[in-house]
Amino acid sequence: MVVVCPPSRESRQSATLCSGSSETLFRFARLHDALAATFISAGVPSSRTMEIDSANRDMYREMTTVTVPRPIGWISTVDAEGRDNIAPFSHYNNVCAGSPSPPVVMFSSDIHDETPKDTPRNVLETEEFVVNLVTESLVEQMDTTSDSIAPEESEFDFAGIEREDSVAVSPPRVAESPVNVECTLYDSMRVYNHLVILGDVVHVHIDDALLTDGKVDVHKIDAVGRLGGSRYASVQVHDFERSH
């Protein structure tokens, strides 16, 4: 099947600068409108949009660039021998936030050569992990923990991160992070070449500095989110009255 794209708006506008009678230009404009209407009604994408098939190798870049900002799951774990580990994951979010069901969070990690990364492997072995909130003051240390180091080495030591004991699980939490979410393994599943980890939230630490009248104040959370490529975003709160 041969697909002919209708002239773009730019080509239509440039045609008005070409030599020729006004009647010819008028006919060209009507032809453009008729073609555009025909292709739109047939479901052919407009030439003014970027169309990407899911098999395109650029899909990862474009999807991670338009799915923004993504919360960062800075996950700390320990392996079966008790050695700690911490790494950031930008495929992270709540699955359910509680009431009436218990809160559940998720993160996913890619699998290379059928081998999970250290963090999901540790979770599968010990069934515990901690999510640490990334703030602007912790961005550089968080980024450092994304480096590849030997499994027996600790990213806490590598990035100069202060540990603090957790309450309900074995992995340590980041002492300077204002929010730490302690989790136990709820379930795991494989989605193509990614391993998805679901965690039951069993305990949460929230710094008093984030509270106003005993409740978490979003204006006081200087969280950092992930954008496309190597870029990050800070939080800018917009207050408006919702209709429902």
C-alpha atoms as a PDB file:
ATOM      1  CA  MET A   1       0.000   0.000   0.000  1.00  0.00           C
ATOM      2  CA  VAL A   2       1.316   3.417  -0.937  1.00  0.00           C
ATOM      3  CA  VAL A   3       0.568   6.222   1.485  1.00  0.00           C
ATOM      4  CA  VAL A   4       0.833   9.776   0.251  1.00  0.00           C
ATOM      5  CA  CYS A   5       1.063  12.403   2.959  1.00  0.00           C
ATOM      6  CA  PRO A   6      -0.896  15.595   2.303  1.00  0.00           C
ATOM      7  CA  PRO A   7       1.105  18.804   2.018  1.00  0.00           C
ATOM      8  CA  SER A   8       1.976  20.367   5.352  1.00  0.00           C
ATOM      9  CA  ARG A   9       0.758  23.774   6.428  1.00  0.00           C
ATOM     10  CA  GLU A  10       4.268  25.103   5.853  1.00  0.00           C
ATOM     11  CA  SER A  11       4.345  23.872   2.253  1.00  0.00           C
ATOM     12  CA  ARG A  12       0.903  25.338   1.681  1.00  0.00           C
ATOM     13  CA  GLN A  13       2.005  28.712   3.020  1.00  0.00           C
ATOM     14  CA  SER A  14       5.199  28.692   0.981  1.00  0.00           C
ATOM     15  CA  ALA A  15       3.196  27.981  -2.149  1.00  0.00           C
ATOM     16  CA  THR A  16       1.638  31.416  -1.898  1.00  0.00           C
ATOM     17  CA  LEU A  17       5.085  32.833  -2.610  1.00  0.00           C
ATOM     18  CA  CYS A  18       5.477  30.887  -5.840  1.00  0.00           C
ATOM     19  CA  SER A  19       4.718  32.389  -9.221  1.00  0.00           C
ATOM     20  CA  GLY A  20       1.355  31.633 -10.791  1.00  0.00           C
ATOM     21  CA  SER A  21      -2.144  32.971 -11.024  1.00  0.00           C
ATOM     22  CA  SER A  22      -4.311  33.529  -7.984  1.00  0.00           C
ATOM     23  CA  GLU A  23      -6.774  30.988  -9.411  1.00  0.00           C
ATOM     24  CA  THR A  24      -4.035  28.309  -9.439  1.00  0.00           C
ATOM     25  CA  LEU A  25      -3.105  29.062  -5.862  1.00  0.00           C
ATOM     26  CA  PHE A  26      -6.769  28.969  -4.829  1.00  0.00           C
ATOM     27  CA  ARG A  27      -7.169  25.550  -6.434  1.00  0.00           C
ATOM     28  CA  PHE A  28      -4.021  24.306  -4.671  1.00  0.00           C
ATOM     29  CA  ALA A  29      -5.380  25.450  -1.325  1.00  0.00           C
ATOM     30  CA  ARG A  30      -8.699  23.693  -1.921  1.00  0.00           C
ATOM     31  CA  LEU A  31      -6.846  20.528  -2.980  1.00  0.00           C
ATOM     32  CA  HIS A  32      -4.811  20.651   0.232  1.00  0.00           C
ATOM     33  CA  ASP A  33      -7.951  20.981   2.383  1.00  0.00           C
ATOM     34  CA  ALA A  34      -9.661  18.129   0.545  1.00  0.00           C
ATOM     35  CA  LEU A  35      -6.616  15.841   0.928  1.00  0.00           C
ATOM     36  CA  ALA A  36      -6.240  16.685   4.599  1.00  0.00           C
ATOM     37  CA  ALA A  37      -9.916  15.931   5.257  1.00  0.00           C
ATOM     38  CA  THR A  38      -9.641  12.641   3.363  1.00  0.00           C
ATOM     39  CA  PHE A  39      -6.585  11.460   5.272  1.00  0.00           C
ATOM     40  CA  ILE A  40      -7.971  12.503   8.654  1.00  0.00           C
ATOM     41  CA  SER A  41     -11.243  10.661   8.021  1.00  0.00           C
ATOM     42  CA  ALA A  42      -9.231   7.606   6.965  1.00  0.00           C
ATOM     43  CA  GLY A  43      -7.298   7.619  10.214  1.00  0.00           C
ATOM     44  CA  VAL A  44      -3.962   8.610   8.661  1.00  0.00           C
ATOM     45  CA  PRO A  45      -1.908  10.632  11.185  1.00  0.00           C
ATOM     46  CA  SER A  46      -1.394  14.317  10.507  1.00  0.00           C
ATOM     47  CA  SER A  47       1.987  15.291   9.117  1.00  0.00           C
ATOM     48  CA  ARG A  48       2.334  17.650  12.075  1.00  0.00           C
ATOM     49  CA  THR A  49       2.643  14.803  14.605  1.00  0.00           C
ATOM     50  CA  MET A  50       5.464  12.388  15.420  1.00  0.00           C
ATOM     51  CA  GLU A  51       4.331   8.780  14.944  1.00  0.00           C
ATOM     52  CA  ILE A  52       6.362   5.975  16.574  1.00  0.00           C
ATOM     53  CA  ASP A  53       5.679   2.266  16.379  1.00  0.00           C
ATOM     54  CA  SER A  54       6.175   0.352  19.637  1.00  0.00           C
ATOM     55  CA  ALA A  55       8.998  -1.671  18.043  1.00  0.00           C
ATOM     56  CA  ASN A  56      10.979   1.473  17.233  1.00  0.00           C
ATOM     57  CA  ARG A  57      14.296   1.593  19.059  1.00  0.00           C
ATOM     58  CA  ASP A  58      13.642   5.247  20.017  1.00  0.00           C
ATOM     59  CA  MET A  59      10.503   4.269  21.955  1.00  0.00           C
ATOM     60  CA  TYR A  60      12.318   4.028  25.307  1.00  0.00           C
ATOM     61  CA  ARG A  61      13.709   7.544  25.025  1.00  0.00           C
ATOM     62  CA  GLU A  62      10.413   9.056  23.942  1.00  0.00           C
ATOM     63  CA  MET A  63       8.321   7.245  26.571  1.00  0.00           C
ATOM     64  CA  THR A  64      10.639   8.209  29.432  1.00  0.00           C
ATOM     65  CA  THR A  65      10.699  11.779  28.129  1.00  0.00           C
ATOM     66  CA  VAL A  66       6.920  12.224  27.947  1.00  0.00           C
ATOM     67  CA  THR A  67       6.109  10.269  31.131  1.00  0.00           C
ATOM     68  CA  VAL A  68       7.173  13.056  33.472  1.00  0.00           C
ATOM     69  CA  PRO A  69       7.901  13.831  36.153  1.00  0.00           C
ATOM     70  CA  ARG A  70       8.468  10.312  37.442  1.00  0.00           C
ATOM     71  CA  PRO A  71       8.940   9.778  41.189  1.00  0.00           C
ATOM     72  CA  ILE A  72      12.256   8.218  42.111  1.00  0.00           C
ATOM     73  CA  GLY A  73      12.275   5.085  44.231  1.00  0.00           C
ATOM     74  CA  TRP A  74      15.598   5.213  46.065  1.00  0.00           C
ATOM     75  CA  ILE A  75      15.578   1.623  47.281  1.00  0.00           C
ATOM     76  CA  SER A  76      17.770   0.285  50.064  1.00  0.00           C
ATOM     77  CA  THR A  77      18.109  -3.472  50.614  1.00  0.00           C
ATOM     78  CA  VAL A  78      20.353  -6.094  52.155  1.00  0.00           C
ATOM     79  CA  ASP A  79      21.412  -9.395  50.620  1.00  0.00           C
ATOM     80  CA  ALA A  80      21.165 -12.812  52.250  1.00  0.00           C
ATOM     81  CA  GLU A  81      24.520 -12.196  53.977  1.00  0.00           C
ATOM     82  CA  GLY A  82      23.430  -8.853  55.406  1.00  0.00           C
ATOM     83  CA  ARG A  83      25.412  -6.592  53.055  1.00  0.00           C
ATOM     84  CA  ASP A  84      23.487  -3.397  52.283  1.00  0.00           C
ATOM     85  CA  ASN A  85      22.781  -1.829  48.909  1.00  0.00           C
ATOM     86  CA  ILE A  86      20.963   1.263  47.644  1.00  0.00           C
ATOM     87  CA  ALA A  87      20.009   2.270  44.099  1.00  0.00           C
ATOM     88  CA  PRO A  88      17.521   4.616  42.369  1.00  0.00           C
ATOM     89  CA  PHE A  89      14.631   3.467  40.178  1.00  0.00           C
ATOM     90  CA  SER A  90      12.530   5.875  38.122  1.00  0.00           C
ATOM     91  CA  HIS A  91       9.848   3.261  37.415  1.00  0.00           C
ATOM     92  CA  TYR A  92       8.339   3.608  40.871  1.00  0.00           C
ATOM     93  CA  ASN A  93       4.949   4.588  42.271  1.00  0.00           C
ATOM     94  CA  ASN A  94       2.067   3.762  44.597  1.00  0.00           C
ATOM     95  CA  VAL A  95      -0.171   0.877  43.608  1.00  0.00           C
ATOM     96  CA  CYS A  96      -2.678   1.678  46.334  1.00  0.00           C
ATOM     97  CA  ALA A  97      -2.287   4.218  49.117  1.00  0.00           C
ATOM     98  CA  GLY A  98      -4.298   2.478  51.829  1.00  0.00           C
ATOM     99  CA  SER A  99      -7.825   2.913  53.232  1.00  0.00           C
ATOM    100  CA  PRO A 100      -9.357   0.425  53.167  1.00  0.00           C
ATOM    101  CA  SER A 101      -6.639  -1.787  51.644  1.00  0.00           C
ATOM    102  CA  PRO A 102      -3.085  -1.672  53.009  1.00  0.00           C
ATOM    103  CA  PRO A 103      -0.734   0.640  51.066  1.00  0.00           C
ATOM    104  CA  VAL A 104       1.346  -1.038  48.357  1.00  0.00           C
ATOM    105  CA  VAL A 105       4.197   0.415  46.303  1.00  0.00           C
ATOM    106  CA  MET A 106       5.946  -0.892  43.209  1.00  0.00           C
ATOM    107  CA  PHE A 107       9.184  -0.505  41.304  1.00  0.00           C
ATOM    108  CA  SER A 108      10.504  -2.264  38.242  1.00  0.00           C
ATOM    109  CA  SER A 109      14.000  -3.066  37.047  1.00  0.00           C
ATOM    110  CA  ASP A 110      15.323  -4.389  33.781  1.00  0.00           C
ATOM    111  CA  ILE A 111      16.845  -7.864  33.510  1.00  0.00           C
ATOM    112  CA  HIS A 112      20.101  -8.495  31.603  1.00  0.00           C
ATOM    113  CA  ASP A 113      21.050 -12.015  30.501  1.00  0.00           C
ATOM    114  CA  GLU A 114      18.275 -13.431  32.707  1.00  0.00           C
ATOM    115  CA  THR A 115      19.973 -11.922  35.774  1.00  0.00           C
ATOM    116  CA  PRO A 116      18.127  -9.371  37.968  1.00  0.00           C
ATOM    117  CA  LYS A 117      19.994  -6.380  39.322  1.00  0.00           C
ATOM    118  CA  ASP A 118      21.246  -6.413  42.916  1.00  0.00           C
ATOM    119  CA  THR A 119      18.245  -4.563  44.368  1.00  0.00           C
ATOM    120  CA  PRO A 120      15.408  -6.781  43.070  1.00  0.00           C
ATOM    121  CA  ARG A 121      17.532  -9.882  43.694  1.00  0.00           C
ATOM    122  CA  ASN A 122      18.014  -8.826  47.319  1.00  0.00           C
ATOM    123  CA  VAL A 123      14.277  -8.201  47.710  1.00  0.00           C
ATOM    124  CA  LEU A 124      13.472 -11.650  46.365  1.00  0.00           C
ATOM    125  CA  GLU A 125      16.002 -13.180  48.773  1.00  0.00           C
ATOM    126  CA  THR A 126      15.069 -11.273  51.949  1.00  0.00           C
ATOM    127  CA  GLU A 127      11.553 -10.004  51.120  1.00  0.00           C
ATOM    128  CA  GLU A 128      12.320  -6.539  52.529  1.00  0.00           C
ATOM    129  CA  PHE A 129      13.246  -3.074  51.237  1.00  0.00           C
ATOM    130  CA  VAL A 130      13.039   0.629  52.108  1.00  0.00           C
ATOM    131  CA  VAL A 131      12.040   3.506  49.814  1.00  0.00           C
ATOM    132  CA  ASN A 132      13.868   6.751  50.644  1.00  0.00           C
ATOM    133  CA  LEU A 133      12.576  10.108  49.402  1.00  0.00           C
ATOM    134  CA  VAL A 134      15.047  11.955  47.164  1.00  0.00           C
ATOM    135  CA  THR A 135      15.263  15.682  47.882  1.00  0.00           C
ATOM    136  CA  GLU A 136      17.331  18.387  46.196  1.00  0.00           C
ATOM    137  CA  SER A 137      20.091  18.094  48.808  1.00  0.00           C
ATOM    138  CA  LEU A 138      20.412  14.352  48.102  1.00  0.00           C
ATOM    139  CA  VAL A 139      20.405  14.398  44.292  1.00  0.00           C
ATOM    140  CA  GLU A 140      24.156  14.031  43.834  1.00  0.00           C
ATOM    141  CA  GLN A 141      24.417  11.146  46.300  1.00  0.00           C
ATOM    142  CA  MET A 142      21.395   9.480  44.700  1.00  0.00           C
ATOM    143  CA  ASP A 143      22.989   9.813  41.275  1.00  0.00           C
ATOM    144  CA  THR A 144      26.248   8.324  42.580  1.00  0.00           C
ATOM    145  CA  THR A 145      24.391   5.222  43.772  1.00  0.00           C
ATOM    146  CA  SER A 146      23.349   4.509  40.173  1.00  0.00           C
ATOM    147  CA  ASP A 147      26.981   3.650  39.341  1.00  0.00           C
ATOM    148  CA  SER A 148      27.840  -0.006  38.861  1.00  0.00           C
ATOM    149  CA  ILE A 149      30.040  -1.336  41.648  1.00  0.00           C
ATOM    150  CA  ALA A 150      30.834  -4.845  42.848  1.00  0.00           C
ATOM    151  CA  PRO A 151      27.933  -6.607  44.655  1.00  0.00           C
ATOM    152  CA  GLU A 152      30.027  -7.005  47.804  1.00  0.00           C
ATOM    153  CA  GLU A 153      30.573  -3.227  48.002  1.00  0.00           C
ATOM    154  CA  SER A 154      28.040  -0.917  49.625  1.00  0.00           C
ATOM    155  CA  GLU A 155      26.628   2.081  47.773  1.00  0.00           C
ATOM    156  CA  PHE A 156      26.055   3.685  51.179  1.00  0.00           C
ATOM    157  CA  ASP A 157      29.835   3.801  51.685  1.00  0.00           C
ATOM    158  CA  PHE A 158      30.558   4.522  48.015  1.00  0.00           C
ATOM    159  CA  ALA A 159      28.321   7.618  48.003  1.00  0.00           C
ATOM    160  CA  GLY A 160      29.011   8.699  51.589  1.00  0.00           C
ATOM    161  CA  ILE A 161      25.432   8.158  52.763  1.00  0.00           C
ATOM    162  CA  GLU A 162      24.664   8.033  56.482  1.00  0.00           C
ATOM    163  CA  ARG A 163      22.661   4.983  57.545  1.00  0.00           C
ATOM    164  CA  GLU A 164      19.916   4.810  60.127  1.00  0.00           C
ATOM    165  CA  ASP A 165      18.278   1.652  61.454  1.00  0.00           C
ATOM    166  CA  SER A 166      14.807   0.802  60.250  1.00  0.00           C
ATOM    167  CA  VAL A 167      12.022  -0.191  62.630  1.00  0.00           C
ATOM    168  CA  ALA A 168      10.239  -3.120  60.988  1.00  0.00           C
ATOM    169  CA  VAL A 169      12.728  -4.398  58.373  1.00  0.00           C
ATOM    170  CA  SER A 170      16.436  -5.178  58.174  1.00  0.00           C
ATOM    171  CA  PRO A 171      17.654  -2.832  55.385  1.00  0.00           C
ATOM    172  CA  PRO A 172      18.918   0.525  56.680  1.00  0.00           C
ATOM    173  CA  ARG A 173      17.281   3.775  55.668  1.00  0.00           C
ATOM    174  CA  VAL A 174      18.901   7.018  54.502  1.00  0.00           C
ATOM    175  CA  ALA A 175      19.305   9.160  57.617  1.00  0.00           C
ATOM    176  CA  GLU A 176      19.115  12.487  55.751  1.00  0.00           C
ATOM    177  CA  SER A 177      16.015  11.569  53.752  1.00  0.00           C
ATOM    178  CA  PRO A 178      12.885  13.151  55.290  1.00  0.00           C
ATOM    179  CA  VAL A 179      10.648  10.216  54.330  1.00  0.00           C
ATOM    180  CA  ASN A 180      11.451   6.495  54.550  1.00  0.00           C
ATOM    181  CA  VAL A 181       8.925   3.827  53.609  1.00  0.00           C
ATOM    182  CA  GLU A 182       9.651   0.364  55.003  1.00  0.00           C
ATOM    183  CA  CYS A 183       8.230  -2.494  52.947  1.00  0.00           C
ATOM    184  CA  THR A 184       7.947  -6.257  52.818  1.00  0.00           C
ATOM    185  CA  LEU A 185       7.549  -8.201  49.587  1.00  0.00           C
ATOM    186  CA  TYR A 186       3.923  -8.527  48.496  1.00  0.00           C
ATOM    187  CA  ASP A 187       4.552 -10.129  45.104  1.00  0.00           C
ATOM    188  CA  SER A 188       6.730  -9.999  42.008  1.00  0.00           C
ATOM    189  CA  MET A 189       6.083 -10.545  38.349  1.00  0.00           C
ATOM    190  CA  ARG A 190       8.001 -10.466  35.099  1.00  0.00           C
ATOM    191  CA  VAL A 191       6.855  -8.120  32.333  1.00  0.00           C
ATOM    192  CA  TYR A 192       8.911  -8.808  29.202  1.00  0.00           C
ATOM    193  CA  ASN A 193      12.507  -7.992  30.221  1.00  0.00           C
ATOM    194  CA  HIS A 194      11.544  -6.210  33.455  1.00  0.00           C
ATOM    195  CA  LEU A 195      10.986  -7.525  36.961  1.00  0.00           C
ATOM    196  CA  VAL A 196       8.197  -5.746  38.837  1.00  0.00           C
ATOM    197  CA  ILE A 197       8.396  -5.747  42.633  1.00  0.00           C
ATOM    198  CA  LEU A 198       5.301  -5.024  44.750  1.00  0.00           C
ATOM    199  CA  GLY A 199       5.802  -4.137  48.400  1.00  0.00           C
ATOM    200  CA  ASP A 200       3.456  -3.954  51.395  1.00  0.00           C
ATOM    201  CA  VAL A 201       4.128  -0.756  53.344  1.00  0.00           C
ATOM    202  CA  VAL A 202       4.644  -1.741  56.982  1.00  0.00           C
ATOM    203  CA  HIS A 203       6.112   1.445  58.473  1.00  0.00           C
ATOM    204  CA  VAL A 204       6.696   5.046  57.393  1.00  0.00           C
ATOM    205  CA  HIS A 205       9.057   7.680  58.842  1.00  0.00           C
ATOM    206  CA  ILE A 206       8.187  11.334  58.141  1.00  0.00           C
ATOM    207  CA  ASP A 207      10.345  14.200  59.373  1.00  0.00           C
ATOM    208  CA  ASP A 208       8.455  16.670  61.588  1.00  0.00           C
ATOM    209  CA  ALA A 209       9.828  19.469  59.407  1.00  0.00           C
ATOM    210  CA  LEU A 210       7.377  18.404  56.682  1.00  0.00           C
ATOM    211  CA  LEU A 211       4.319  18.805  58.902  1.00  0.00           C
ATOM    212  CA  THR A 212       1.817  21.622  59.291  1.00  0.00           C
ATOM    213  CA  ASP A 213      -0.819  21.169  61.998  1.00  0.00           C
ATOM    214  CA  GLY A 214       0.142  17.502  62.294  1.00  0.00           C
ATOM    215  CA  LYS A 215      -0.284  16.707  58.582  1.00  0.00           C
ATOM    216  CA  VAL A 216       2.235  16.399  55.757  1.00  0.00           C
ATOM    217  CA  ASP A 217       2.449  19.728  53.919  1.00  0.00           C
ATOM    218  CA  VAL A 218       3.204  19.290  50.214  1.00  0.00           C
ATOM    219  CA  HIS A 219       4.654  22.816  50.123  1.00  0.00           C
ATOM    220  CA  LYS A 220       7.452  21.637  52.419  1.00  0.00           C
ATOM    221  CA  ILE A 221       8.502  18.618  50.346  1.00  0.00           C
ATOM    222  CA  ASP A 222      11.398  19.508  48.053  1.00  0.00           C
ATOM    223  CA  ALA A 223      11.217  16.163  46.261  1.00  0.00           C
ATOM    224  CA  VAL A 224      13.032  15.556  42.994  1.00  0.00           C
ATOM    225  CA  GLY A 225      11.528  13.673  40.038  1.00  0.00           C
ATOM    226  CA  ARG A 226      13.059  12.127  36.959  1.00  0.00           C
ATOM    227  CA  LEU A 227      12.698  13.566  33.466  1.00  0.00           C
ATOM    228  CA  GLY A 228      13.987  12.216  30.166  1.00  0.00           C
ATOM    229  CA  GLY A 229      17.688  11.569  29.692  1.00  0.00           C
ATOM    230  CA  SER A 230      19.847  12.803  32.578  1.00  0.00           C
ATOM    231  CA  ARG A 231      17.507  15.598  33.654  1.00  0.00           C
ATOM    232  CA  TYR A 232      15.595  15.963  36.909  1.00  0.00           C
ATOM    233  CA  ALA A 233      12.712  18.157  38.067  1.00  0.00           C
ATOM    234  CA  SER A 234      11.913  19.862  41.347  1.00  0.00           C
ATOM    235  CA  VAL A 235       8.412  20.272  42.746  1.00  0.00           C
ATOM    236  CA  GLN A 236       6.438  23.444  42.066  1.00  0.00           C
ATOM    237  CA  VAL A 237       3.059  23.353  43.784  1.00  0.00           C
ATOM    238  CA  HIS A 238      -0.003  24.800  42.034  1.00  0.00           C
ATOM    239  CA  ASP A 239      -2.984  25.398  44.283  1.00  0.00           C
ATOM    240  CA  PHE A 240      -6.454  25.520  42.756  1.00  0.00           C
ATOM    241  CA  GLU A 241      -9.988  24.597  43.765  1.00  0.00           C
ATOM    242  CA  ARG A 242     -11.028  21.212  42.387  1.00  0.00           C
ATOM    243  CA  SER A 243     -14.579  20.826  41.144  1.00  0.00           C
ATOM    244  CA  HIS A 244     -15.016  17.402  42.743  1.00  0.00           C
END
